[in-house]
């Protein structure tokens, strides 16, 4: 999904493997561009078409394979919505606030 923030367009994508329950390795990555048509690059300047992407959410604790994301605006700010798998392999809905650092990059909290 593409989202405009400040002077950039941000491309949020899911990398790696999904539909494997607690064995899923999906993670949420982002790149940005001054143009909606790209090219999109990560924080280090690597284009996403060359394997780049800045990770903002990955599996941790009992959360496995977070991905298939959407960014929504709420009265408190931006929200990242995604699915993930619990330890027992059941699918769950994840919702986190999305912040923006001083360099304009998103982060999940």
N, C-alpha and C. Protein backbone atom coordinates (compact mmCIF):
# COMPACT_ATOMS: atom_id res chain seq x y z
N UNK A 1 0.83 -1.17 0.00
CA UNK A 1 0.00 0.00 0.00
C UNK A 1 0.88 1.23 0.00
N UNK A 2 0.44 2.29 -0.64
CA UNK A 2 1.20 3.54 -0.71
C UNK A 2 0.48 4.58 0.14
N UNK A 3 1.26 5.31 0.92
CA UNK A 3 0.71 6.32 1.82
C UNK A 3 1.57 7.58 1.72
N UNK A 4 0.94 8.74 1.58
CA UNK A 4 1.67 10.01 1.55
C UNK A 4 1.81 10.55 2.96
N UNK A 5 3.01 11.01 3.25
CA UNK A 5 3.27 11.65 4.55
C UNK A 5 4.38 12.67 4.32
N UNK A 6 4.13 13.91 4.73
CA UNK A 6 5.12 14.95 4.49
C UNK A 6 5.35 15.10 2.99
N UNK A 7 6.58 15.17 2.59
CA UNK A 7 6.91 15.33 1.17
C UNK A 7 7.20 14.03 0.45
N UNK A 8 6.86 12.88 1.06
CA UNK A 8 7.18 11.58 0.46
C UNK A 8 5.95 10.69 0.33
N UNK A 9 6.11 9.72 -0.56
CA UNK A 9 5.16 8.61 -0.67
C UNK A 9 5.87 7.39 -0.07
N UNK A 10 5.17 6.66 0.76
CA UNK A 10 5.73 5.49 1.44
C UNK A 10 5.04 4.23 0.92
N UNK A 11 5.85 3.26 0.53
CA UNK A 11 5.35 1.98 0.06
C UNK A 11 5.55 0.96 1.18
N UNK A 12 4.44 0.49 1.76
CA UNK A 12 4.46 -0.52 2.81
C UNK A 12 4.22 -1.88 2.16
N UNK A 13 5.11 -2.83 2.40
CA UNK A 13 5.01 -4.16 1.79
C UNK A 13 5.29 -5.24 2.83
N UNK A 14 4.91 -6.47 2.47
CA UNK A 14 5.21 -7.63 3.29
C UNK A 14 6.26 -8.48 2.57
N UNK A 15 7.30 -8.88 3.28
CA UNK A 15 8.37 -9.72 2.75
C UNK A 15 8.30 -11.10 3.38
N UNK A 16 8.82 -12.08 2.71
CA UNK A 16 9.05 -13.44 3.19
C UNK A 16 7.81 -14.32 3.10
N UNK A 17 7.69 -15.31 3.97
CA UNK A 17 6.70 -16.37 3.84
C UNK A 17 5.52 -16.21 4.79
N UNK A 18 4.31 -16.43 4.24
CA UNK A 18 3.08 -16.35 5.03
C UNK A 18 2.34 -17.68 4.92
N UNK A 19 1.20 -17.77 5.57
CA UNK A 19 0.32 -18.94 5.54
C UNK A 19 1.00 -20.20 6.07
N UNK A 20 1.88 -20.03 7.02
CA UNK A 20 2.57 -21.15 7.66
C UNK A 20 2.35 -21.13 9.17
N UNK A 21 1.28 -20.45 9.59
CA UNK A 21 0.98 -20.37 11.01
C UNK A 21 2.14 -19.77 11.78
N UNK A 22 2.47 -20.37 12.92
CA UNK A 22 3.54 -19.86 13.78
C UNK A 22 4.92 -19.96 13.12
N UNK A 23 5.02 -20.67 11.99
CA UNK A 23 6.29 -20.77 11.25
C UNK A 23 6.44 -19.67 10.20
N UNK A 24 5.46 -18.79 10.08
CA UNK A 24 5.50 -17.71 9.09
C UNK A 24 6.64 -16.74 9.41
N UNK A 25 7.29 -16.27 8.36
CA UNK A 25 8.40 -15.32 8.52
C UNK A 25 8.07 -13.94 7.92
N UNK A 26 6.81 -13.74 7.58
CA UNK A 26 6.37 -12.45 7.04
C UNK A 26 6.84 -11.32 7.95
N UNK A 27 7.13 -10.17 7.36
CA UNK A 27 7.47 -8.97 8.11
C UNK A 27 7.11 -7.77 7.27
N UNK A 28 6.91 -6.65 7.91
CA UNK A 28 6.46 -5.44 7.23
C UNK A 28 7.65 -4.53 6.99
N UNK A 29 7.82 -4.12 5.73
CA UNK A 29 8.93 -3.28 5.31
C UNK A 29 8.36 -2.02 4.65
N UNK A 30 9.21 -0.99 4.55
CA UNK A 30 8.77 0.26 3.93
C UNK A 30 9.93 0.87 3.14
N UNK A 31 9.56 1.55 2.08
CA UNK A 31 10.49 2.36 1.31
C UNK A 31 9.78 3.67 0.98
N UNK A 32 10.51 4.67 0.58
CA UNK A 32 9.86 5.93 0.25
C UNK A 32 10.44 6.54 -1.02
N UNK A 33 9.64 7.48 -1.58
CA UNK A 33 10.01 8.16 -2.82
C UNK A 33 9.36 9.53 -2.83
N UNK A 34 9.98 10.47 -3.50
CA UNK A 34 9.37 11.78 -3.68
C UNK A 34 8.27 11.73 -4.74
N UNK A 35 8.23 10.64 -5.52
CA UNK A 35 7.24 10.47 -6.59
C UNK A 35 6.37 9.25 -6.29
N UNK A 36 5.08 9.35 -6.56
CA UNK A 36 4.19 8.22 -6.32
C UNK A 36 4.55 7.02 -7.20
N UNK A 37 5.24 7.25 -8.30
CA UNK A 37 5.63 6.15 -9.20
C UNK A 37 7.02 5.61 -8.89
N UNK A 38 7.65 6.11 -7.83
CA UNK A 38 8.96 5.59 -7.41
C UNK A 38 10.10 6.27 -8.15
N UNK A 39 11.28 5.72 -8.01
CA UNK A 39 11.59 4.48 -7.31
C UNK A 39 11.54 4.64 -5.79
N UNK A 40 11.18 3.58 -5.10
CA UNK A 40 11.11 3.56 -3.65
C UNK A 40 12.39 2.96 -3.10
N UNK A 41 12.96 3.60 -2.10
CA UNK A 41 14.22 3.13 -1.50
C UNK A 41 14.08 3.09 0.01
N UNK A 42 14.93 2.30 0.65
CA UNK A 42 14.90 2.19 2.10
C UNK A 42 15.73 3.30 2.75
N UNK A 43 15.84 3.24 4.04
CA UNK A 43 16.57 4.26 4.82
C UNK A 43 18.02 4.39 4.37
N UNK A 44 18.61 3.30 3.87
CA UNK A 44 20.01 3.32 3.43
C UNK A 44 20.16 3.69 1.96
N UNK A 45 19.04 3.92 1.27
CA UNK A 45 19.10 4.30 -0.13
C UNK A 45 19.02 3.14 -1.11
N UNK A 46 18.86 1.91 -0.60
CA UNK A 46 18.75 0.75 -1.48
C UNK A 46 17.34 0.67 -2.04
N UNK A 47 17.24 0.59 -3.36
CA UNK A 47 15.92 0.50 -3.99
C UNK A 47 15.23 -0.80 -3.60
N UNK A 48 13.92 -0.72 -3.45
CA UNK A 48 13.16 -1.89 -3.09
C UNK A 48 13.17 -2.93 -4.20
N UNK A 49 13.34 -2.50 -5.43
CA UNK A 49 13.44 -3.44 -6.55
C UNK A 49 14.77 -4.18 -6.54
N UNK A 50 15.69 -3.76 -5.69
CA UNK A 50 16.99 -4.42 -5.54
C UNK A 50 17.12 -5.08 -4.18
N UNK A 51 16.00 -5.37 -3.55
CA UNK A 51 16.02 -6.06 -2.25
C UNK A 51 15.99 -5.15 -1.05
N UNK A 52 15.90 -3.84 -1.26
CA UNK A 52 15.85 -2.91 -0.14
C UNK A 52 14.51 -2.91 0.57
N UNK A 53 14.48 -2.27 1.69
CA UNK A 53 13.27 -2.15 2.50
C UNK A 53 13.67 -1.95 3.95
N UNK A 54 13.10 -0.98 4.60
CA UNK A 54 13.37 -0.75 6.02
C UNK A 54 12.32 -1.48 6.84
N UNK A 55 12.75 -2.40 7.67
CA UNK A 55 11.83 -3.20 8.48
C UNK A 55 11.21 -2.34 9.58
N UNK A 56 9.87 -2.41 9.68
CA UNK A 56 9.21 -1.69 10.78
C UNK A 56 8.44 -2.63 11.70
N UNK A 57 8.19 -3.88 11.25
CA UNK A 57 7.51 -4.83 12.12
C UNK A 57 7.87 -6.24 11.69
N UNK A 58 8.32 -7.04 12.66
CA UNK A 58 8.67 -8.45 12.41
C UNK A 58 8.13 -9.28 13.56
N UNK A 59 8.20 -10.60 13.39
CA UNK A 59 7.76 -11.48 14.46
C UNK A 59 8.55 -11.24 15.74
N UNK A 60 7.86 -11.34 16.86
CA UNK A 60 8.49 -11.19 18.17
C UNK A 60 7.55 -11.80 19.22
N UNK A 61 8.12 -12.42 20.23
CA UNK A 61 7.31 -13.04 21.26
C UNK A 61 6.31 -14.01 20.64
N UNK A 62 5.03 -13.84 20.96
CA UNK A 62 3.97 -14.70 20.43
C UNK A 62 3.35 -14.20 19.14
N UNK A 63 4.00 -13.22 18.50
CA UNK A 63 3.50 -12.68 17.22
C UNK A 63 4.39 -13.21 16.11
N UNK A 64 3.77 -13.93 15.17
CA UNK A 64 4.52 -14.56 14.08
C UNK A 64 3.96 -14.09 12.74
N UNK A 65 4.85 -13.70 11.85
CA UNK A 65 4.47 -13.37 10.48
C UNK A 65 3.55 -12.17 10.31
N UNK A 66 3.83 -11.03 10.98
CA UNK A 66 2.94 -9.87 10.80
C UNK A 66 3.05 -9.28 9.39
N UNK A 67 1.92 -9.14 8.72
CA UNK A 67 1.93 -8.61 7.36
C UNK A 67 0.54 -8.32 6.85
N UNK A 68 0.43 -8.17 5.53
CA UNK A 68 -0.82 -7.75 4.86
C UNK A 68 -1.35 -6.49 5.53
N UNK A 69 -0.55 -5.47 5.53
CA UNK A 69 -0.82 -4.27 6.31
C UNK A 69 -1.66 -3.22 5.59
N UNK A 70 -2.21 -2.33 6.40
CA UNK A 70 -2.88 -1.13 5.92
C UNK A 70 -2.57 -0.03 6.93
N UNK A 71 -2.46 1.19 6.45
CA UNK A 71 -2.25 2.34 7.33
C UNK A 71 -3.49 3.21 7.27
N UNK A 72 -4.04 3.49 8.43
CA UNK A 72 -5.25 4.30 8.55
C UNK A 72 -4.97 5.51 9.42
N UNK A 73 -5.68 6.59 9.18
CA UNK A 73 -5.56 7.77 10.05
C UNK A 73 -6.68 7.74 11.07
N UNK A 74 -6.31 8.02 12.31
CA UNK A 74 -7.25 8.08 13.42
C UNK A 74 -7.07 9.42 14.11
N UNK A 75 -7.94 9.75 15.02
CA UNK A 75 -7.85 11.04 15.70
C UNK A 75 -6.55 11.15 16.51
N UNK A 76 -5.98 10.01 16.92
CA UNK A 76 -4.73 10.00 17.68
C UNK A 76 -3.50 9.94 16.80
N UNK A 77 -3.67 9.78 15.51
CA UNK A 77 -2.54 9.66 14.60
C UNK A 77 -2.76 8.52 13.63
N UNK A 78 -1.67 8.03 13.06
CA UNK A 78 -1.76 6.93 12.10
C UNK A 78 -1.72 5.59 12.82
N UNK A 79 -2.40 4.61 12.23
CA UNK A 79 -2.52 3.28 12.81
C UNK A 79 -2.11 2.25 11.75
N UNK A 80 -1.29 1.29 12.14
CA UNK A 80 -0.94 0.17 11.28
C UNK A 80 -1.80 -1.02 11.67
N UNK A 81 -2.53 -1.56 10.70
CA UNK A 81 -3.40 -2.72 10.90
C UNK A 81 -2.80 -3.86 10.09
N UNK A 82 -2.74 -5.06 10.65
CA UNK A 82 -2.10 -6.19 9.98
C UNK A 82 -2.63 -7.50 10.57
N UNK A 83 -2.31 -8.60 9.93
CA UNK A 83 -2.64 -9.90 10.51
C UNK A 83 -1.35 -10.55 10.98
N UNK A 84 -1.48 -11.47 11.92
CA UNK A 84 -0.34 -12.26 12.38
C UNK A 84 -0.85 -13.60 12.89
N UNK A 85 0.07 -14.48 13.23
CA UNK A 85 -0.29 -15.78 13.78
C UNK A 85 0.16 -15.86 15.23
N UNK A 86 -0.67 -16.48 16.06
CA UNK A 86 -0.32 -16.74 17.46
C UNK A 86 0.54 -18.00 17.53
N UNK A 87 1.06 -18.30 18.70
CA UNK A 87 1.89 -19.50 18.88
C UNK A 87 1.19 -20.77 18.44
N UNK A 88 -0.13 -20.85 18.61
CA UNK A 88 -0.88 -22.05 18.24
C UNK A 88 -1.27 -22.08 16.76
N UNK A 89 -0.82 -21.07 15.98
CA UNK A 89 -1.09 -21.02 14.55
C UNK A 89 -2.38 -20.33 14.16
N UNK A 90 -3.17 -19.89 15.13
CA UNK A 90 -4.41 -19.19 14.79
C UNK A 90 -4.12 -17.78 14.28
N UNK A 91 -4.93 -17.35 13.32
CA UNK A 91 -4.76 -16.01 12.73
C UNK A 91 -5.36 -14.97 13.65
N UNK A 92 -4.69 -13.84 13.77
CA UNK A 92 -5.13 -12.75 14.65
C UNK A 92 -5.00 -11.41 13.92
N UNK A 93 -5.69 -10.41 14.46
CA UNK A 93 -5.62 -9.05 13.95
C UNK A 93 -4.72 -8.23 14.87
N UNK A 94 -3.75 -7.53 14.30
CA UNK A 94 -2.86 -6.66 15.06
C UNK A 94 -3.14 -5.20 14.71
N UNK A 95 -3.10 -4.35 15.71
CA UNK A 95 -3.30 -2.91 15.52
C UNK A 95 -2.27 -2.18 16.39
N UNK A 96 -1.44 -1.36 15.75
CA UNK A 96 -0.44 -0.58 16.47
C UNK A 96 -0.46 0.86 15.99
N UNK A 97 -0.06 1.75 16.86
CA UNK A 97 0.13 3.14 16.44
C UNK A 97 1.39 3.21 15.58
N UNK A 98 1.38 4.13 14.65
CA UNK A 98 2.50 4.34 13.74
C UNK A 98 3.02 5.75 13.96
N UNK A 99 4.29 5.86 14.35
CA UNK A 99 4.90 7.16 14.54
C UNK A 99 5.84 7.47 13.39
N UNK A 100 6.33 8.69 13.38
CA UNK A 100 7.26 9.14 12.33
C UNK A 100 8.44 9.80 13.02
N UNK A 101 9.67 9.33 12.72
CA UNK A 101 10.84 9.90 13.37
C UNK A 101 11.23 11.24 12.74
N UNK A 102 12.27 11.85 13.28
CA UNK A 102 12.67 13.19 12.83
C UNK A 102 13.17 13.20 11.38
N UNK A 103 13.54 12.04 10.84
CA UNK A 103 13.96 11.94 9.44
C UNK A 103 12.80 11.59 8.51
N UNK A 104 11.60 11.45 9.09
CA UNK A 104 10.42 11.16 8.28
C UNK A 104 10.15 9.69 8.04
N UNK A 105 10.81 8.79 8.79
CA UNK A 105 10.58 7.36 8.61
C UNK A 105 9.59 6.85 9.64
N UNK A 106 8.69 5.94 9.21
CA UNK A 106 7.68 5.42 10.13
C UNK A 106 8.27 4.37 11.07
N UNK A 107 7.67 4.25 12.24
CA UNK A 107 8.01 3.19 13.19
C UNK A 107 6.74 2.79 13.93
N UNK A 108 6.70 1.55 14.36
CA UNK A 108 5.55 0.98 15.07
C UNK A 108 5.80 1.07 16.57
N UNK A 109 4.74 1.46 17.29
CA UNK A 109 4.83 1.41 18.75
C UNK A 109 3.52 1.05 19.36
